[in-house]
Amino acid sequence: MLGCLLFPNLVLLFYPVTRGSVVLQAAGLSYPDAIRYHRWLGHAVMVMVTAHSLGFWGVWVYQQQWLKEALDQGDRINNLAGGVSFLSGLALWLSSLEVARRSNYEVFYKLHHIGFWGFTFAGCCHVSSMFWYFLPGLILYGIDGVYRIQQALWEGNVTDNNKSNNSGSVQIWEAGASRNNSICYMLLSAPRYAVSATGFIWLNVPDVSWHSWHPFEYFAVPLKSNTCYNGENNSQNNQSRSGSSSSTGILVHIKAYDRWTKDLIKLVAAQQQRSGSSSSSSSSSSSSSSS
């Protein structure tokens, strides 16, 4: 019975994770609101999966047939695949809890994808009819994934504006960190697809990790030609902005949560310190020349 109750939840489970889905647009849901429903549905699915699996395992243990039944690969129901699906979903579920997710986002991200494919593929092997309940959401998720890959290849990684702007790079106009390295901000050049006033972007900083992508909420701000957002003048940034094809920037605030964000903030602080030292040296040289 619990296995049958999973089916309507599985149909709805993948709809909220498709950020560019027409379903969300038709429902008038933003991505953060949709993710909230995805979490609720995910918790409901895993509660039923856990009760379903542990219920059968408990009966088999009581009958002293657990090993035989757990490894059974029948034609209609594959119990071995069902156990793999349950354990994959359990790893996904535990890593998605707020305590685990905020302490190490990279582990959560990897286990979420690995657990997702293990749960989905093994679940379809467990009961073949489950595939048809996965299919609608998987189609939308696949279309959204292809669209995001195309965007990533189009726009590329985050680079410093002092370096050459390779094709598909997002430049950093400004960056600064707090004194205790607990938070930092970055003002980025707006990608061509980031047209809304606020939203989410995925950042990859090769100097921190070449393979890790992390999501952040951004705010679109105008790029001013005379003043930096930290209140200081920066002629190099102003010249870069005047030559930029975009007059809109993306302002991102990043708080130190896990190792990746802490390393990024340290990198920003080190760059900020080097920039401050070079500015002081330039000022001293100018004063000596004028005297």
Protein backbone atom coordinates (compact mmCIF):
# COMPACT_ATOMS: atom_id res chain seq x y z
CA MET A 1 0.00 0.00 0.00
CA LEU A 2 2.77 2.46 0.91
CA GLY A 3 4.52 1.65 -2.37
CA CYS A 4 1.40 2.59 -4.31
CA LEU A 5 1.07 5.86 -2.36
CA LEU A 6 4.52 6.84 -3.63
CA PHE A 7 3.40 7.14 -7.23
CA PRO A 8 1.49 10.47 -7.09
CA ASN A 9 4.32 12.00 -5.05
CA LEU A 10 6.92 10.80 -7.56
CA VAL A 11 4.98 12.48 -10.37
CA LEU A 12 5.18 15.85 -8.57
CA LEU A 13 8.65 15.44 -7.03
CA PHE A 14 10.74 16.58 -10.01
CA TYR A 15 8.58 19.45 -11.25
CA PRO A 16 9.89 22.04 -8.73
CA VAL A 17 13.60 21.46 -9.52
CA THR A 18 13.27 22.56 -13.15
CA ARG A 19 14.11 26.24 -12.85
CA GLY A 20 13.11 27.13 -16.41
CA SER A 21 10.01 24.93 -16.50
CA VAL A 22 6.84 26.24 -18.11
CA VAL A 23 4.96 24.41 -15.33
CA LEU A 24 6.43 26.74 -12.68
CA GLN A 25 5.83 29.79 -14.85
CA ALA A 26 2.21 28.78 -15.40
CA ALA A 27 1.76 28.22 -11.66
CA GLY A 28 3.38 31.57 -10.87
CA LEU A 29 5.98 29.97 -8.58
CA SER A 30 9.46 31.32 -8.11
CA TYR A 31 12.39 28.93 -7.86
CA PRO A 32 12.82 29.33 -4.04
CA ASP A 33 9.11 28.64 -3.50
CA ALA A 34 9.26 25.63 -5.81
CA ILE A 35 12.26 24.21 -3.95
CA ARG A 36 10.25 24.45 -0.72
CA TYR A 37 7.60 22.18 -2.23
CA HIS A 38 10.33 19.88 -3.55
CA ARG A 39 11.66 19.49 -0.02
CA TRP A 40 8.22 18.73 1.38
CA LEU A 41 7.53 16.15 -1.33
CA GLY A 42 11.00 14.67 -0.86
CA HIS A 43 10.44 14.25 2.88
CA ALA A 44 7.04 12.67 2.25
CA VAL A 45 8.48 10.28 -0.35
CA MET A 46 11.34 9.17 1.88
CA VAL A 47 9.11 8.70 4.93
CA MET A 48 6.90 6.35 2.90
CA VAL A 49 9.90 4.61 1.29
CA THR A 50 11.50 4.08 4.70
CA ALA A 51 8.29 2.72 6.23
CA HIS A 52 7.72 0.50 3.18
CA SER A 53 11.26 -0.91 3.19
CA LEU A 54 11.69 -1.34 6.94
CA GLY A 55 8.25 -2.92 7.17
CA PHE A 56 9.16 -5.65 4.68
CA TRP A 57 12.63 -6.08 6.17
CA GLY A 58 11.11 -6.43 9.63
CA VAL A 59 8.75 -9.16 8.47
CA TRP A 60 11.55 -11.01 6.70
CA VAL A 61 13.75 -10.83 9.80
CA TYR A 62 10.87 -12.15 11.93
CA GLN A 63 10.41 -15.02 9.45
CA GLN A 64 14.19 -15.58 9.38
CA GLN A 65 14.20 -15.16 5.62
CA TRP A 66 15.74 -11.69 5.32
CA LEU A 67 18.83 -12.67 3.30
CA LYS A 68 16.82 -14.81 0.88
CA GLU A 69 14.08 -12.21 0.33
CA ALA A 70 16.40 -9.18 0.26
CA LEU A 71 18.51 -10.73 -2.51
CA ASP A 72 15.54 -12.03 -4.48
CA GLN A 73 15.36 -10.80 -8.10
CA GLY A 74 11.94 -11.91 -9.18
CA ASP A 75 10.46 -11.19 -12.59
CA ARG A 76 7.70 -8.94 -11.28
CA ILE A 77 9.34 -7.37 -8.21
CA ASN A 78 13.10 -7.14 -7.75
CA ASN A 79 13.75 -6.93 -4.00
CA LEU A 80 17.52 -6.45 -4.44
CA ALA A 81 16.98 -3.40 -6.65
CA GLY A 82 14.42 -2.13 -4.15
CA GLY A 83 16.98 -2.28 -1.36
CA VAL A 84 19.55 -0.42 -3.48
CA SER A 85 16.95 2.20 -4.29
CA PHE A 86 16.06 2.61 -0.59
CA LEU A 87 19.71 2.97 0.51
CA SER A 88 20.42 5.46 -2.29
CA GLY A 89 17.39 7.49 -1.31
CA LEU A 90 18.39 7.33 2.35
CA ALA A 91 21.86 8.73 1.58
CA LEU A 92 20.24 11.46 -0.51
CA TRP A 93 17.74 12.26 2.25
CA LEU A 94 20.23 12.46 5.11
CA SER A 95 22.66 14.63 3.15
CA SER A 96 19.86 17.06 2.25
CA LEU A 97 18.99 17.84 5.87
CA GLU A 98 19.79 21.45 6.71
CA VAL A 99 22.55 20.59 9.19
CA ALA A 100 24.42 18.47 6.64
CA ARG A 101 23.66 20.73 3.68
CA ARG A 102 24.93 23.91 5.29
CA SER A 103 28.01 22.35 6.86
CA ASN A 104 29.26 20.83 3.59
CA TYR A 105 27.36 21.82 0.48
CA GLU A 106 29.70 19.96 -1.86
CA VAL A 107 28.98 16.62 -0.17
CA PHE A 108 25.25 17.37 -0.29
CA TYR A 109 25.42 18.29 -3.97
CA LYS A 110 27.32 15.16 -5.01
CA LEU A 111 25.28 12.76 -2.85
CA HIS A 112 22.07 14.36 -4.09
CA HIS A 113 22.93 13.55 -7.70
CA ILE A 114 24.44 10.12 -7.02
CA GLY A 115 21.54 9.19 -4.74
CA PHE A 116 19.04 10.52 -7.25
CA TRP A 117 20.27 8.27 -10.06
CA GLY A 118 20.60 5.29 -7.72
CA PHE A 119 17.10 5.84 -6.35
CA THR A 120 15.57 6.36 -9.80
CA PHE A 121 17.30 3.60 -11.77
CA ALA A 122 17.13 0.95 -9.02
CA GLY A 123 13.53 1.95 -8.29
CA CYS A 124 12.56 1.34 -11.90
CA CYS A 125 14.32 -2.06 -11.75
CA HIS A 126 12.43 -2.81 -8.53
CA VAL A 127 9.02 -2.15 -10.11
CA SER A 128 9.07 -1.42 -13.84
CA SER A 129 5.83 0.58 -13.76
CA MET A 130 7.56 3.22 -11.61
CA PHE A 131 9.33 4.46 -14.76
CA TRP A 132 6.14 6.02 -16.10
CA TYR A 133 5.68 8.06 -12.92
CA PHE A 134 9.26 9.31 -13.11
CA LEU A 135 9.10 10.10 -16.83
CA PRO A 136 7.20 13.46 -16.95
CA GLY A 137 9.41 15.11 -14.36
CA LEU A 138 12.57 13.58 -15.85
CA ILE A 139 11.73 15.01 -19.28
CA LEU A 140 11.33 18.51 -17.85
CA TYR A 141 14.47 18.09 -15.74
CA GLY A 142 16.43 16.91 -18.79
CA ILE A 143 15.31 19.88 -20.89
CA ASP A 144 16.25 22.25 -18.07
CA GLY A 145 19.63 20.53 -17.67
CA VAL A 146 20.46 20.91 -21.36
CA TYR A 147 19.46 24.58 -21.19
CA ARG A 148 21.70 25.19 -18.16
CA ILE A 149 24.64 23.40 -19.78
CA GLN A 150 24.20 25.61 -22.83
CA GLN A 151 24.23 28.67 -20.58
CA ALA A 152 27.37 27.48 -18.78
CA LEU A 153 29.18 26.90 -22.08
CA TRP A 154 27.96 30.26 -23.33
CA GLU A 155 28.97 32.32 -20.32
CA GLY A 156 31.64 30.20 -18.61
CA ASN A 157 33.49 30.70 -15.32
CA VAL A 158 34.24 33.61 -13.01
CA THR A 159 37.51 35.39 -13.74
CA ASP A 160 39.22 38.47 -12.40
CA ASN A 161 38.91 41.57 -14.57
CA ASN A 162 42.68 42.05 -14.52
CA LYS A 163 43.07 38.82 -16.49
CA SER A 164 42.20 38.34 -20.09
CA ASN A 165 38.50 37.86 -20.61
CA ASN A 166 38.32 34.50 -22.33
CA SER A 167 35.26 33.63 -24.32
CA GLY A 168 32.44 32.83 -21.94
CA SER A 169 34.02 34.36 -18.82
CA VAL A 170 32.15 36.43 -16.26
CA GLN A 171 34.30 39.31 -15.03
CA ILE A 172 34.60 40.55 -11.46
CA TRP A 173 34.35 44.35 -11.31
CA GLU A 174 34.64 44.63 -7.54
CA ALA A 175 35.12 42.31 -4.59
CA GLY A 176 35.63 42.85 -0.89
CA ALA A 177 35.64 40.86 2.34
CA SER A 178 34.93 41.72 5.97
CA ARG A 179 37.81 41.96 8.43
CA ASN A 180 36.96 38.68 10.15
CA ASN A 181 36.47 36.88 6.79
CA SER A 182 32.88 36.00 7.61
CA ILE A 183 31.29 37.53 4.51
CA CYS A 184 32.28 38.97 1.17
CA TYR A 185 30.63 40.60 -1.81
CA MET A 186 31.33 40.40 -5.53
CA LEU A 187 30.10 42.63 -8.32
CA LEU A 188 30.06 40.61 -11.52
CA SER A 189 29.37 41.47 -15.11
CA ALA A 190 25.83 40.43 -15.95
CA PRO A 191 25.50 37.33 -18.14
CA ARG A 192 23.35 37.80 -21.18
CA TYR A 193 20.61 35.58 -19.77
CA ALA A 194 20.46 37.31 -16.32
CA VAL A 195 17.85 39.94 -17.10
CA SER A 196 15.64 39.78 -14.01
CA ALA A 197 16.13 42.07 -11.02
CA THR A 198 16.92 39.16 -8.73
CA GLY A 199 17.44 35.45 -9.08
CA PHE A 200 19.97 32.64 -8.68
CA ILE A 201 23.26 32.01 -10.43
CA TRP A 202 25.75 29.15 -10.17
CA LEU A 203 29.37 30.22 -9.71
CA ASN A 204 32.53 28.30 -10.49
CA VAL A 205 35.80 29.87 -9.29
CA PRO A 206 38.74 27.87 -10.69
CA ASP A 207 41.18 29.38 -8.17
CA VAL A 208 39.11 27.73 -5.40
CA SER A 209 37.94 24.57 -7.15
CA TRP A 210 37.80 23.89 -10.87
CA HIS A 211 34.90 21.41 -10.64
CA SER A 212 32.62 22.86 -7.93
CA TRP A 213 29.57 24.96 -8.78
CA HIS A 214 27.64 26.76 -6.03
CA PRO A 215 24.32 28.63 -6.22
CA PHE A 216 23.88 32.17 -4.90
CA GLU A 217 21.13 34.73 -4.94
CA TYR A 218 21.99 37.86 -6.87
CA PHE A 219 20.64 41.38 -7.29
CA ALA A 220 20.96 43.24 -10.57
CA VAL A 221 22.51 46.70 -10.07
CA PRO A 222 23.59 49.42 -12.49
CA LEU A 223 27.31 49.74 -13.15
CA LYS A 224 28.22 53.30 -12.18
CA SER A 225 31.14 54.91 -13.96
CA ASN A 226 32.37 57.10 -11.13
CA THR A 227 31.94 55.32 -7.81
CA CYS A 228 32.58 51.81 -6.54
CA TYR A 229 30.07 50.13 -4.29
CA ASN A 230 32.56 50.12 -1.44
CA GLY A 231 32.67 53.91 -1.59
CA GLU A 232 36.15 54.16 -3.11
CA ASN A 233 37.25 55.33 -6.52
CA ASN A 234 38.84 52.79 -8.80
CA SER A 235 40.02 54.12 -12.14
CA GLN A 236 40.94 50.68 -13.48
CA ASN A 237 37.46 49.33 -12.81
CA ASN A 238 35.88 52.46 -14.27
CA GLN A 239 37.85 52.05 -17.48
CA SER A 240 36.86 48.38 -17.66
CA ARG A 241 33.20 49.26 -17.11
CA SER A 242 33.20 51.97 -19.72
CA GLY A 243 34.48 49.38 -22.20
CA SER A 244 31.99 46.78 -21.11
CA SER A 245 29.09 45.85 -23.35
CA SER A 246 26.77 45.61 -20.35
CA SER A 247 25.65 48.45 -18.07
CA THR A 248 24.17 46.03 -15.55
CA GLY A 249 26.07 44.12 -12.89
CA ILE A 250 25.21 41.27 -10.58
CA LEU A 251 25.79 41.85 -6.87
CA VAL A 252 26.37 38.69 -4.84
CA HIS A 253 26.89 38.42 -1.08
CA ILE A 254 28.55 35.26 0.18
CA LYS A 255 28.65 34.07 3.78
CA ALA A 256 31.25 31.64 5.12
CA TYR A 257 29.43 28.32 5.54
CA ASP A 258 31.59 25.49 4.24
CA ARG A 259 35.16 25.02 3.04
CA TRP A 260 34.45 26.32 -0.47
CA THR A 261 32.89 29.60 0.68
CA LYS A 262 35.58 30.09 3.34
CA ASP A 263 38.34 29.57 0.77
CA LEU A 264 36.61 31.98 -1.61
CA ILE A 265 36.35 34.68 1.07
CA LYS A 266 40.04 34.20 1.95
CA LEU A 267 40.90 34.57 -1.73
CA VAL A 268 38.88 37.78 -1.98
CA ALA A 269 40.48 39.14 1.22
CA ALA A 270 43.98 38.36 -0.07
CA GLN A 271 43.24 40.08 -3.39
CA GLN A 272 41.76 43.03 -1.51
CA GLN A 273 44.90 43.30 0.62
CA ARG A 274 47.17 43.17 -2.44
CA SER A 275 45.11 45.85 -4.15
CA GLY A 276 45.31 48.04 -1.04
CA SER A 277 49.08 47.60 -0.82
CA SER A 278 49.58 48.50 -4.47
CA SER A 279 47.37 51.58 -4.07
CA SER A 280 49.42 52.72 -1.06
CA SER A 281 52.66 52.25 -3.00
CA SER A 282 51.30 54.28 -5.90
CA SER A 283 50.26 57.09 -3.56
CA SER A 284 53.72 57.18 -1.94
CA SER A 285 55.44 57.33 -5.31
CA SER A 286 53.22 60.20 -6.43
CA SER A 287 53.95 62.14 -3.25
CA SER A 288 57.70 61.65 -3.65
CA SER A 289 57.60 62.79 -7.25
CA SER A 290 55.65 65.96 -6.49
CA SER A 291 57.96 66.86 -3.61
